[in-house]
N, C-alpha and C. Protein backbone atom coordinates (compact mmCIF):
# COMPACT_ATOMS: atom_id res chain seq x y z
N MET A 1 112.88 61.25 122.85
CA MET A 1 111.58 62.49 123.25
C MET A 1 110.67 61.86 123.39
N PRO A 2 109.53 62.12 124.56
CA PRO A 2 108.86 61.43 125.03
C PRO A 2 107.13 62.68 123.94
N LYS A 3 105.81 61.34 123.50
CA LYS A 3 105.55 62.01 122.62
C LYS A 3 104.54 62.90 122.94
N ALA A 4 104.63 63.55 123.97
CA ALA A 4 104.20 65.14 123.95
C ALA A 4 104.71 66.26 123.69
N SER A 5 106.08 65.82 124.12
CA SER A 5 106.94 67.01 123.40
C SER A 5 107.24 66.93 121.70
N GLN A 6 107.02 65.86 121.13
CA GLN A 6 107.32 65.77 119.57
C GLN A 6 105.53 66.51 119.25
N GLY A 7 104.71 66.19 120.08
CA GLY A 7 103.59 66.75 119.17
C GLY A 7 103.65 68.28 119.43
N LYS A 8 104.32 68.70 120.40
CA LYS A 8 104.61 69.83 120.82
C LYS A 8 105.67 70.66 119.84
N LYS A 9 106.37 70.03 119.69
CA LYS A 9 107.82 70.78 118.07
C LYS A 9 106.95 70.42 117.00
N LEU A 10 106.39 69.38 116.59
CA LEU A 10 105.43 69.60 115.37
C LEU A 10 104.31 70.45 115.20
N ASN A 11 103.61 71.30 116.70
CA ASN A 11 102.57 72.15 116.55
C ASN A 11 103.43 73.42 116.26
N THR A 12 104.60 73.47 116.81
CA THR A 12 105.74 74.77 116.24
C THR A 12 106.03 75.26 114.84
N MET A 13 106.16 74.09 114.23
CA MET A 13 107.33 73.62 113.31
C MET A 13 106.30 74.22 112.01
N LYS A 14 104.89 73.55 112.64
CA LYS A 14 103.85 73.90 111.51
C LYS A 14 103.19 75.08 111.97
N LYS A 15 103.57 75.63 112.55
CA LYS A 15 103.05 77.51 112.88
C LYS A 15 103.77 78.25 112.64
N ARG A 16 105.34 77.99 112.46
CA ARG A 16 106.16 78.84 112.14
C ARG A 16 105.85 78.15 110.22
N ALA A 17 105.70 77.56 109.57
CA ALA A 17 105.78 77.26 108.23
C ALA A 17 104.43 77.87 108.13
N THR A 18 103.77 78.09 108.73
CA THR A 18 102.09 78.52 108.04
C THR A 18 102.72 80.36 108.63
N ASP A 19 102.77 80.59 109.06
CA ASP A 19 103.91 81.91 109.39
C ASP A 19 104.08 82.74 108.10
N ARG A 20 104.84 81.70 107.97
CA ARG A 20 105.69 82.22 106.69
C ARG A 20 104.97 81.82 105.22
N ARG A 21 104.24 81.36 105.33
CA ARG A 21 103.34 80.90 104.10
C ARG A 21 102.71 82.34 103.91
N THR A 22 102.01 82.84 105.26
CA THR A 22 101.17 83.74 105.28
C THR A 22 101.98 84.93 105.06
N ARG A 23 102.84 85.43 105.62
CA ARG A 23 103.74 86.56 105.44
C ARG A 23 104.22 87.16 104.14
N ARG A 24 104.66 85.52 103.30
CA ARG A 24 104.22 85.53 101.96
C ARG A 24 103.27 86.06 101.01
N THR A 25 102.01 85.39 101.28
CA THR A 25 101.18 85.84 100.41
C THR A 25 101.13 87.15 100.59
N CYS A 26 101.07 87.51 102.19
CA CYS A 26 100.59 88.91 102.20
C CYS A 26 101.11 90.01 101.20
N GLU A 27 102.59 89.68 101.28
CA GLU A 27 103.77 90.39 100.42
C GLU A 27 103.61 90.83 99.08
N ARG A 28 103.12 89.18 98.53
CA ARG A 28 102.85 89.05 97.27
C ARG A 28 101.58 90.26 97.08
N LEU A 29 100.45 90.30 97.72
CA LEU A 29 99.56 90.42 97.47
C LEU A 29 99.62 92.45 97.94
N GLY A 30 100.44 92.60 98.66
CA GLY A 30 101.49 94.03 98.61
C GLY A 30 101.91 94.79 97.50
N MET A 31 102.89 93.26 97.01
CA MET A 31 103.48 94.30 95.42
C MET A 31 102.70 94.48 94.77
N ALA A 32 101.92 93.36 94.44
CA ALA A 32 101.02 93.49 93.38
C ALA A 32 99.85 94.68 93.41
N LEU A 33 99.46 94.82 94.37
CA LEU A 33 98.68 96.59 94.62
C LEU A 33 99.51 97.57 94.31
N LEU A 34 100.88 97.81 94.87
CA LEU A 34 101.98 98.61 94.91
C LEU A 34 102.33 99.01 93.15
N GLU A 35 102.28 97.58 92.39
CA GLU A 35 102.57 97.78 91.22
C GLU A 35 101.49 98.60 90.01
N LEU A 36 100.37 98.06 90.60
CA LEU A 36 99.14 98.44 90.25
C LEU A 36 99.11 100.10 90.25
N LEU A 37 99.62 100.17 91.15
CA LEU A 37 99.17 101.53 91.54
C LEU A 37 100.13 102.69 90.61
N GLN A 38 101.31 102.00 90.20
CA GLN A 38 101.79 102.79 89.45
C GLN A 38 101.43 103.27 87.73
N ASP A 39 100.77 102.31 87.22
CA ASP A 39 99.77 102.57 86.58
C ASP A 39 98.23 103.73 86.49
N ARG A 40 97.92 103.23 87.69
CA ARG A 40 96.48 104.02 87.77
C ARG A 40 95.77 103.97 89.12
N PRO A 41 94.95 104.96 89.47
CA PRO A 41 94.70 105.31 90.60
C PRO A 41 93.75 104.04 91.29
N ILE A 42 94.11 104.07 92.86
CA ILE A 42 93.56 103.23 93.70
C ILE A 42 91.71 103.22 93.57
N ARG A 43 91.27 103.74 93.17
CA ARG A 43 89.77 103.78 92.56
C ARG A 43 89.57 102.83 91.41
N GLN A 44 90.56 102.64 90.50
CA GLN A 44 90.41 102.04 89.33
C GLN A 44 90.91 100.78 89.58
N ILE A 45 91.45 100.66 90.44
CA ILE A 45 91.75 98.64 90.73
C ILE A 45 91.20 98.47 91.48
N THR A 46 90.63 96.92 91.29
CA THR A 46 89.72 95.78 91.80
C THR A 46 90.02 94.92 92.45
N VAL A 47 89.66 94.22 93.59
CA VAL A 47 90.37 93.30 94.38
C VAL A 47 90.54 92.42 93.04
N GLN A 48 89.99 92.24 92.01
CA GLN A 48 89.92 90.57 91.49
C GLN A 48 91.23 91.21 90.67
N GLN A 49 92.01 92.59 90.33
CA GLN A 49 93.24 92.92 89.40
C GLN A 49 94.28 92.59 90.17
N VAL A 50 94.07 93.14 91.62
CA VAL A 50 95.49 92.39 92.34
C VAL A 50 95.51 90.89 92.88
N LEU A 51 94.54 90.57 92.75
CA LEU A 51 94.59 89.05 92.82
C LEU A 51 95.13 88.17 92.13
N ASP A 52 94.55 88.21 90.34
CA ASP A 52 95.28 87.94 89.25
C ASP A 52 97.05 88.08 89.13
N ARG A 53 97.11 89.70 89.92
CA ARG A 53 98.71 89.96 89.93
C ARG A 53 99.12 88.69 90.60
N ALA A 54 98.76 88.84 91.86
CA ALA A 54 99.50 87.94 93.53
C ALA A 54 99.59 86.66 92.80
N LEU A 55 98.12 86.07 91.81
CA LEU A 55 97.90 84.93 92.11
C LEU A 55 97.46 83.96 93.22
N VAL A 56 96.28 84.91 93.41
CA VAL A 56 96.16 84.07 95.21
C VAL A 56 94.73 84.15 94.85
N GLY A 57 94.08 83.85 95.67
CA GLY A 57 92.57 82.88 96.03
C GLY A 57 91.78 84.20 96.75
N ARG A 58 90.48 84.67 96.30
CA ARG A 58 89.73 85.66 96.82
C ARG A 58 89.26 85.42 98.43
N SER A 59 89.28 84.37 99.08
CA SER A 59 89.26 83.75 100.04
C SER A 59 90.21 83.94 101.04
N THR A 60 91.46 83.95 100.46
CA THR A 60 92.70 83.96 101.23
C THR A 60 92.54 85.81 101.22
N PHE A 61 92.65 86.41 100.32
CA PHE A 61 92.77 87.71 100.60
C PHE A 61 91.58 88.21 101.65
N TYR A 62 90.37 87.63 101.70
CA TYR A 62 89.47 88.51 102.64
C TYR A 62 89.91 87.40 103.39
N LEU A 63 90.70 86.79 104.19
CA LEU A 63 90.88 86.09 105.23
C LEU A 63 91.87 87.10 106.25
N HIS A 64 92.88 87.62 104.72
CA HIS A 64 93.54 88.83 106.10
C HIS A 64 93.52 90.17 106.09
N PHE A 65 92.45 90.68 104.91
CA PHE A 65 92.12 92.17 104.65
C PHE A 65 90.54 92.31 104.20
N ARG A 66 90.11 93.58 104.27
CA ARG A 66 88.80 93.68 104.58
C ARG A 66 88.62 94.30 102.97
N ASP A 67 89.56 94.87 102.44
CA ASP A 67 89.43 95.61 101.30
C ASP A 67 91.03 96.31 100.85
N LYS A 68 90.94 96.81 99.43
CA LYS A 68 92.19 96.97 98.72
C LYS A 68 92.98 97.97 99.72
N GLU A 69 92.17 99.23 100.29
CA GLU A 69 92.77 99.78 100.97
C GLU A 69 93.41 99.59 102.19
N ASP A 70 92.99 98.31 103.42
CA ASP A 70 93.41 97.84 104.53
C ASP A 70 94.39 97.44 103.84
N LEU A 71 95.07 96.77 102.37
CA LEU A 71 95.69 95.61 101.85
C LEU A 71 97.17 97.11 102.44
N LEU A 72 96.79 98.42 101.14
CA LEU A 72 97.69 99.19 101.45
C LEU A 72 98.13 99.57 102.49
N LEU A 73 97.16 100.15 103.27
CA LEU A 73 97.54 100.50 104.75
C LEU A 73 98.64 99.07 105.51
N SER A 74 98.10 98.15 105.52
CA SER A 74 98.99 97.00 106.26
C SER A 74 100.34 97.06 104.94
N GLN A 75 100.34 97.51 104.12
CA GLN A 75 102.17 97.44 103.79
C GLN A 75 102.50 98.78 104.09
N LEU A 76 101.89 99.64 104.42
CA LEU A 76 102.50 101.09 105.17
C LEU A 76 102.88 100.78 106.18
N GLU A 77 102.74 100.00 106.92
CA GLU A 77 102.59 99.92 108.18
C GLU A 77 104.06 99.04 108.32
N VAL A 78 104.07 98.58 107.79
CA VAL A 78 105.55 97.34 107.77
C VAL A 78 106.44 98.48 106.88
N PHE A 79 106.31 99.26 106.45
CA PHE A 79 107.51 100.52 106.56
C PHE A 79 107.86 101.24 107.21
N LEU A 80 106.32 101.69 107.87
CA LEU A 80 106.43 102.09 109.27
C LEU A 80 107.01 101.54 110.20
N GLU A 81 106.92 100.53 110.55
CA GLU A 81 107.85 99.91 111.65
C GLU A 81 109.28 99.63 111.80
N THR A 82 109.52 99.81 109.79
CA THR A 82 111.28 99.20 109.32
C THR A 82 111.85 100.69 109.85
N THR A 83 110.84 101.99 109.21
CA THR A 83 111.76 102.96 108.91
C THR A 83 111.55 103.22 110.35
N SER A 84 110.56 103.56 111.26
CA SER A 84 110.76 104.09 112.65
C SER A 84 111.75 103.68 113.69
N LEU A 85 112.27 102.34 113.31
CA LEU A 85 113.37 101.77 114.23
C LEU A 85 114.84 101.75 113.50
N TRP A 86 115.02 102.27 112.37
CA TRP A 86 115.89 102.03 111.34
C TRP A 86 117.34 102.72 111.98
N LEU A 87 117.51 103.64 113.11
CA LEU A 87 118.47 104.35 113.02
C LEU A 87 118.97 103.48 114.63
N SER A 88 118.03 102.66 115.15
CA SER A 88 118.38 102.08 116.89
C SER A 88 118.96 100.65 116.02
N ARG A 89 118.28 100.20 114.97
CA ARG A 89 118.67 99.21 114.46
C ARG A 89 120.11 99.11 114.07
N ASN A 90 120.19 99.72 113.25
CA ASN A 90 121.62 100.15 112.41
C ASN A 90 122.76 100.56 113.12
N GLY A 91 122.15 100.63 114.84
CA GLY A 91 123.38 101.51 115.39
C GLY A 91 123.95 103.10 115.12
N ASP A 92 123.42 103.73 114.51
CA ASP A 92 123.61 104.65 114.14
C ASP A 92 124.23 105.95 115.28
N LYS A 93 124.76 106.34 115.34
CA LYS A 93 125.99 107.26 115.89
C LYS A 93 125.18 108.87 116.32
N SER A 94 124.24 109.30 115.17
CA SER A 94 124.15 110.89 115.09
C SER A 94 123.30 110.97 116.20
N ARG A 95 122.73 112.53 115.87
CA ARG A 95 122.28 112.84 117.18
C ARG A 95 120.39 112.63 116.80
N ARG A 96 120.59 112.06 115.44
CA ARG A 96 119.10 112.10 114.69
C ARG A 96 118.09 111.26 115.65
N VAL A 97 117.18 111.83 115.34
CA VAL A 97 115.94 110.92 116.27
C VAL A 97 114.66 110.04 115.89
N ALA A 98 115.32 110.50 114.47
CA ALA A 98 114.07 109.84 113.07
C ALA A 98 115.25 109.84 111.86
N PRO A 99 115.06 108.68 110.86
CA PRO A 99 115.70 108.83 109.56
C PRO A 99 114.57 109.71 108.58
N VAL A 100 114.99 111.46 109.09
CA VAL A 100 114.17 112.07 108.21
C VAL A 100 114.41 112.34 106.97
N ALA A 101 115.88 112.03 106.50
CA ALA A 101 116.12 112.50 105.01
C ALA A 101 115.52 111.04 104.46
N GLU A 102 116.07 109.47 104.61
CA GLU A 102 115.64 108.64 104.23
C GLU A 102 114.20 108.52 104.23
N MET A 103 113.34 108.72 104.58
CA MET A 103 112.06 108.15 105.16
C MET A 103 111.63 109.55 103.79
N PHE A 104 111.67 110.93 103.97
CA PHE A 104 111.40 111.95 103.05
C PHE A 104 111.66 111.35 101.31
N GLU A 105 112.81 111.19 100.95
CA GLU A 105 113.46 110.80 100.16
C GLU A 105 112.62 109.16 99.52
N HIS A 106 112.07 107.92 100.65
CA HIS A 106 111.30 107.33 99.95
C HIS A 106 110.08 107.61 99.73
N LEU A 107 109.40 108.45 100.16
CA LEU A 107 107.72 108.58 99.96
C LEU A 107 107.70 110.04 98.96
N GLY A 108 108.65 111.08 98.76
CA GLY A 108 108.75 111.66 97.69
C GLY A 108 108.69 111.25 96.36
N ASN A 109 109.42 109.93 96.56
CA ASN A 109 109.38 108.61 95.25
C ASN A 109 108.16 108.33 94.99
N GLN A 110 107.43 108.58 95.89
CA GLN A 110 105.83 107.42 96.29
C GLN A 110 105.16 107.86 96.09
N LYS A 111 104.82 109.16 95.37
CA LYS A 111 103.89 110.31 95.28
C LYS A 111 102.33 109.30 94.98
N LYS A 112 102.45 108.82 93.92
CA LYS A 112 101.15 107.96 93.73
C LYS A 112 100.77 106.92 95.17
N ILE A 113 101.63 106.49 95.69
CA ILE A 113 100.71 105.49 97.03
C ILE A 113 100.27 107.54 97.81
N TYR A 114 100.52 108.39 97.74
CA TYR A 114 100.25 109.33 99.06
C TYR A 114 98.90 109.64 98.50
N ARG A 115 99.06 109.70 97.15
CA ARG A 115 97.75 110.25 96.70
C ARG A 115 96.37 109.12 96.40
N ALA A 116 96.78 107.86 96.66
CA ALA A 116 96.01 107.06 96.75
C ALA A 116 95.55 106.93 98.27
N LEU A 117 96.59 107.06 98.89
CA LEU A 117 95.51 107.15 100.43
C LEU A 117 95.00 108.69 100.49
N GLN A 118 95.34 109.48 100.12
CA GLN A 118 94.09 110.51 100.16
C GLN A 118 92.79 110.46 99.58
N GLU A 119 92.88 109.61 98.33
CA GLU A 119 91.58 109.12 97.00
C GLU A 119 90.99 108.78 98.08
N SER A 120 91.51 107.83 98.81
CA SER A 120 90.87 106.60 99.56
C SER A 120 90.08 106.86 100.98
N ASP A 121 90.47 108.37 101.26
CA ASP A 121 90.33 108.20 102.62
C ASP A 121 90.92 107.59 103.78
N ARG A 122 92.30 107.26 103.37
CA ARG A 122 93.12 106.78 104.42
C ARG A 122 94.31 107.47 105.17
N LEU A 123 94.62 108.77 104.51
CA LEU A 123 95.60 109.52 105.23
C LEU A 123 95.53 109.66 106.65
N ASN A 124 94.41 109.82 107.09
CA ASN A 124 94.57 109.93 108.23
C ASN A 124 95.05 109.32 108.90
N ALA A 125 94.34 107.88 108.78
CA ALA A 125 94.86 106.53 109.42
C ALA A 125 96.56 106.30 108.92
N PHE A 126 97.20 106.31 107.94
CA PHE A 126 98.11 106.28 107.55
C PHE A 126 99.25 106.97 108.64
N PHE A 127 98.91 108.49 108.94
CA PHE A 127 99.33 109.10 110.14
C PHE A 127 98.93 108.37 111.50
N ASP A 128 97.87 108.26 111.68
CA ASP A 128 97.52 107.02 112.88
C ASP A 128 98.19 106.83 113.12
N LEU A 129 98.94 105.72 112.15
CA LEU A 129 99.69 104.39 112.32
C LEU A 129 101.05 105.49 112.69
N ALA A 130 101.50 106.09 111.56
CA ALA A 130 103.07 106.44 111.68
C ALA A 130 102.97 107.26 113.01
N GLN A 131 102.24 107.52 113.72
CA GLN A 131 102.38 108.49 115.24
C GLN A 131 102.88 107.72 116.43
N ASP A 132 102.51 106.28 116.19
CA ASP A 132 102.71 105.04 117.39
C ASP A 132 103.88 105.13 117.02
N HIS A 133 103.92 104.19 115.63
CA HIS A 133 105.09 103.72 115.20
C HIS A 133 107.19 104.84 115.97
N PHE A 134 106.78 105.87 115.77
CA PHE A 134 107.20 106.91 115.60
C PHE A 134 107.40 107.22 116.94
N THR A 135 106.56 107.71 117.62
CA THR A 135 106.73 108.08 119.22
C THR A 135 107.56 106.92 119.46
N ARG A 136 107.46 105.35 119.55
CA ARG A 136 108.21 104.42 119.98
C ARG A 136 109.36 104.53 119.91
N GLY A 137 109.56 104.46 118.45
CA GLY A 137 111.26 104.54 117.90
C GLY A 137 111.79 106.06 118.37
N ILE A 138 111.32 107.51 118.27
CA ILE A 138 111.88 108.21 119.14
C ILE A 138 112.37 108.45 119.98
N GLU A 139 111.41 107.55 121.00
CA GLU A 139 111.35 107.45 122.68
C GLU A 139 112.98 106.72 122.99
N LEU A 140 112.65 105.59 122.50
CA LEU A 140 114.28 104.66 122.11
C LEU A 140 115.84 105.55 121.86
N ARG A 141 115.61 106.96 120.87
CA ARG A 141 116.42 107.01 120.39
C ARG A 141 116.69 108.50 121.72
N LEU A 142 115.76 108.26 122.08
CA LEU A 142 115.97 109.77 122.80
C LEU A 142 117.02 109.05 124.87
N ARG A 143 115.79 107.74 124.67
CA ARG A 143 117.02 107.04 125.56
C ARG A 143 118.47 106.90 125.16
N GLU A 144 118.74 106.35 123.86
CA GLU A 144 119.64 105.89 123.60
C GLU A 144 120.99 107.29 124.08
N SER A 145 120.25 108.44 123.58
CA SER A 145 121.40 109.60 123.36
C SER A 145 121.79 110.12 124.64
N GLY A 146 120.84 109.23 125.86
CA GLY A 146 121.19 109.86 127.11
C GLY A 146 120.31 111.08 127.69
N LYS A 147 118.96 111.88 126.71
CA LYS A 147 118.67 112.94 126.91
C LYS A 147 117.65 112.69 127.97
N ALA A 148 117.10 111.51 127.85
CA ALA A 148 116.13 110.91 128.57
C ALA A 148 115.87 111.22 129.72
N ALA A 149 117.54 111.10 130.46
CA ALA A 149 118.17 110.65 132.05
C ALA A 149 117.31 111.27 132.84
N LYS A 150 116.85 112.10 132.86
CA LYS A 150 116.09 112.97 133.75
C LYS A 150 114.88 113.19 133.70
N LEU A 151 114.10 112.42 132.60
CA LEU A 151 112.68 112.67 132.54
C LEU A 151 111.69 111.60 132.96
N THR A 152 110.87 111.68 133.99
CA THR A 152 110.06 110.83 133.76
C THR A 152 109.72 110.12 132.82
N ARG A 153 109.03 108.67 132.84
CA ARG A 153 108.06 108.07 132.07
C ARG A 153 107.39 108.70 131.35
N SER A 154 106.42 109.27 131.72
CA SER A 154 105.45 110.06 131.47
C SER A 154 106.29 111.16 130.40
N GLU A 155 106.90 112.04 130.84
CA GLU A 155 107.61 113.17 130.25
C GLU A 155 108.43 112.73 128.93
N LEU A 156 108.80 111.89 129.06
CA LEU A 156 109.61 110.89 128.32
C LEU A 156 108.52 110.78 127.33
N ARG A 157 107.50 110.09 127.48
CA ARG A 157 106.25 109.54 126.21
C ARG A 157 105.55 110.77 125.90
N ALA A 158 105.62 111.97 126.44
CA ALA A 158 105.07 113.13 126.27
C ALA A 158 105.99 113.45 125.08
N ARG A 159 107.13 113.82 125.01
CA ARG A 159 107.94 114.54 124.56
C ARG A 159 108.32 113.25 123.43
N ALA A 160 108.40 112.24 122.98
CA ALA A 160 108.17 111.58 121.71
C ALA A 160 107.14 111.47 121.18
N THR A 161 106.04 111.68 122.15
CA THR A 161 104.65 111.71 121.00
C THR A 161 104.71 113.00 120.24
N ALA A 162 105.05 114.11 120.90
CA ALA A 162 105.20 115.67 120.25
C ALA A 162 106.36 115.94 119.74
N LEU A 163 106.99 115.00 119.69
CA LEU A 163 108.11 115.07 118.05
C LEU A 163 107.47 114.37 117.11
N ALA A 164 107.32 113.01 117.59
CA ALA A 164 106.49 112.39 116.00
C ALA A 164 105.58 113.09 115.52
N GLY A 165 104.78 113.67 116.41
CA GLY A 165 103.66 114.47 115.85
C GLY A 165 104.03 115.99 114.86
N SER A 166 105.13 116.61 115.47
CA SER A 166 105.96 117.51 114.33
C SER A 166 106.76 116.55 113.31
N LEU A 167 107.08 115.93 113.46
CA LEU A 167 107.49 115.06 112.27
C LEU A 167 106.44 114.99 111.08
N LEU A 168 105.88 114.28 111.69
CA LEU A 168 104.45 114.10 110.63
C LEU A 168 103.77 115.05 109.93
N ALA A 169 103.53 116.37 110.92
CA ALA A 169 103.33 117.72 110.54
C ALA A 169 104.23 118.31 109.47
N LEU A 170 105.47 117.96 109.61
CA LEU A 170 106.03 118.69 108.46
C LEU A 170 106.20 117.39 107.22
N LEU A 171 106.13 116.41 107.48
CA LEU A 171 105.91 115.52 106.70
C LEU A 171 104.60 115.66 105.59
N ARG A 172 104.04 116.05 106.19
CA ARG A 172 102.21 116.66 105.75
C ARG A 172 102.60 117.96 105.00
N TRP A 173 103.09 118.63 105.24
CA TRP A 173 103.30 120.23 104.70
C TRP A 173 104.00 120.01 103.18
N TRP A 174 105.00 119.24 103.59
CA TRP A 174 105.93 118.67 102.67
C TRP A 174 105.41 118.08 101.32
N MET A 175 105.10 117.14 101.48
CA MET A 175 104.36 116.08 100.35
C MET A 175 103.52 116.94 99.88
N ASP A 176 102.34 118.19 100.76
CA ASP A 176 101.15 118.65 99.92
C ASP A 176 102.07 119.88 99.26
N ARG A 177 102.70 120.32 99.55
CA ARG A 177 103.45 121.53 98.92
C ARG A 177 104.15 120.69 97.43
N GLY A 178 104.15 119.85 97.44
CA GLY A 178 104.77 119.20 96.29
C GLY A 178 106.25 118.71 96.11
N ALA A 179 106.69 118.85 97.48
CA ALA A 179 108.58 118.43 98.47
C ALA A 179 109.09 118.92 97.43
N LYS A 180 109.48 119.96 97.41
CA LYS A 180 109.85 121.40 96.91
C LYS A 180 111.38 121.06 97.68
N GLU A 181 111.54 121.10 98.84
CA GLU A 181 112.70 120.83 99.44
C GLU A 181 113.32 119.81 99.36
N SER A 182 114.70 119.41 99.55
CA SER A 182 115.29 118.94 99.69
C SER A 182 115.19 117.52 101.12
N PRO A 183 115.02 116.33 100.78
CA PRO A 183 114.70 115.42 102.36
C PRO A 183 116.42 115.85 103.25
N LYS A 184 116.92 116.00 102.74
CA LYS A 184 118.58 116.37 103.19
C LYS A 184 118.22 117.43 104.17
N MET A 185 117.21 118.78 103.75
CA MET A 185 117.15 119.51 104.15
C MET A 185 115.96 120.05 105.13
N MET A 186 114.70 118.66 104.60
CA MET A 186 113.78 118.82 105.84
C MET A 186 114.87 117.99 107.09
N ASP A 187 115.41 117.04 106.92
CA ASP A 187 116.21 116.20 108.07
C ASP A 187 116.77 117.03 109.20
N GLU A 188 117.36 118.45 108.32
CA GLU A 188 117.91 119.42 108.64
C GLU A 188 117.42 120.21 109.65
N THR A 189 116.38 120.86 109.12
CA THR A 189 115.29 121.59 109.72
C THR A 189 114.63 120.87 110.96
N TYR A 190 114.11 119.56 111.04
CA TYR A 190 113.57 119.06 111.94
C TYR A 190 114.46 118.87 112.97
N HIS A 191 115.43 118.11 112.69
CA HIS A 191 116.44 118.21 114.20
C HIS A 191 116.75 118.82 114.56
N ARG A 192 116.71 120.10 114.23
CA ARG A 192 117.22 122.08 114.34
C ARG A 192 115.94 121.68 115.69
N MET A 193 114.75 121.73 115.14
CA MET A 193 113.48 121.49 115.76
C MET A 193 113.30 121.38 117.26
N VAL A 194 114.41 119.78 117.01
CA VAL A 194 114.03 118.79 117.86
C VAL A 194 114.98 119.14 118.91
N TRP A 195 116.04 119.55 118.87
CA TRP A 195 117.26 119.63 120.09
C TRP A 195 117.15 120.76 120.43
N SER A 196 116.30 122.40 120.07
CA SER A 196 116.23 123.67 120.14
C SER A 196 115.26 123.34 121.34
N GLY A 197 114.11 122.19 121.50
CA GLY A 197 113.29 122.10 122.03
C GLY A 197 113.20 120.97 123.44
N MET A 198 114.35 120.42 123.18
CA MET A 198 115.27 119.44 124.24
C MET A 198 116.21 120.57 124.86
N ALA A 199 116.54 121.22 124.34
CA ALA A 199 117.32 122.31 125.41
C ALA A 199 117.12 122.81 126.90
C-alpha cells in the first residue's frame, strides 16, 4: 500500500477512535446529570458535581458544552432523534406517523427532566428541537404510507410541520395537566386527528 494511502487510513482510524471517545465522554456526562436530576432540581446541581460523578475534567466538559442546561438539551436531542424515527427504523406497519404512546410513556416517567427544562427556561428550546425532529420523522412516515404521493414537496413539508406542532402541543397540554390520560389514549387521540385531517 502506498504511503499516502496508509496515512489516510491511519487518519480515518484515529478520527473514528476520537469520535467514539467523544461520544462515550458525552454519554457519561449526560448520564451523570440525569442521575443527579433524580435527587435534586437542576438549579441545585453544579457542573462540578456532574464532573465528579462522570469522572471527566472541566476542560473536557467545556470543550463540548456551554453549561449544564446545554448538556441536558444534548441528551434530549439524542432521545428525539431516536424517537422521531423509531417507527420507520423498526419497519412499523401501522398507520401511526409518530410513536406517541411510547414517547408519552417515557416522558410521563421523566417529570423531573421536564421540570428541569421549565426551571432553566429551556423548555421552548426542547420543543424547537422536537419540532425539527418530528417534522422529518412524520414526513418520512407519510411518504412510507403512500399518503404523500399526490402532495407537492412543500405541501408535504407543511403538513408534516403542522402535524409535528400538533403532537408537541398535545404533549405540552398532557404534561402540564399532570399526565392524567394514558399514553395509549393520547396516541389514539392524536392519530384520529392526523387521519381526519389527511382525509
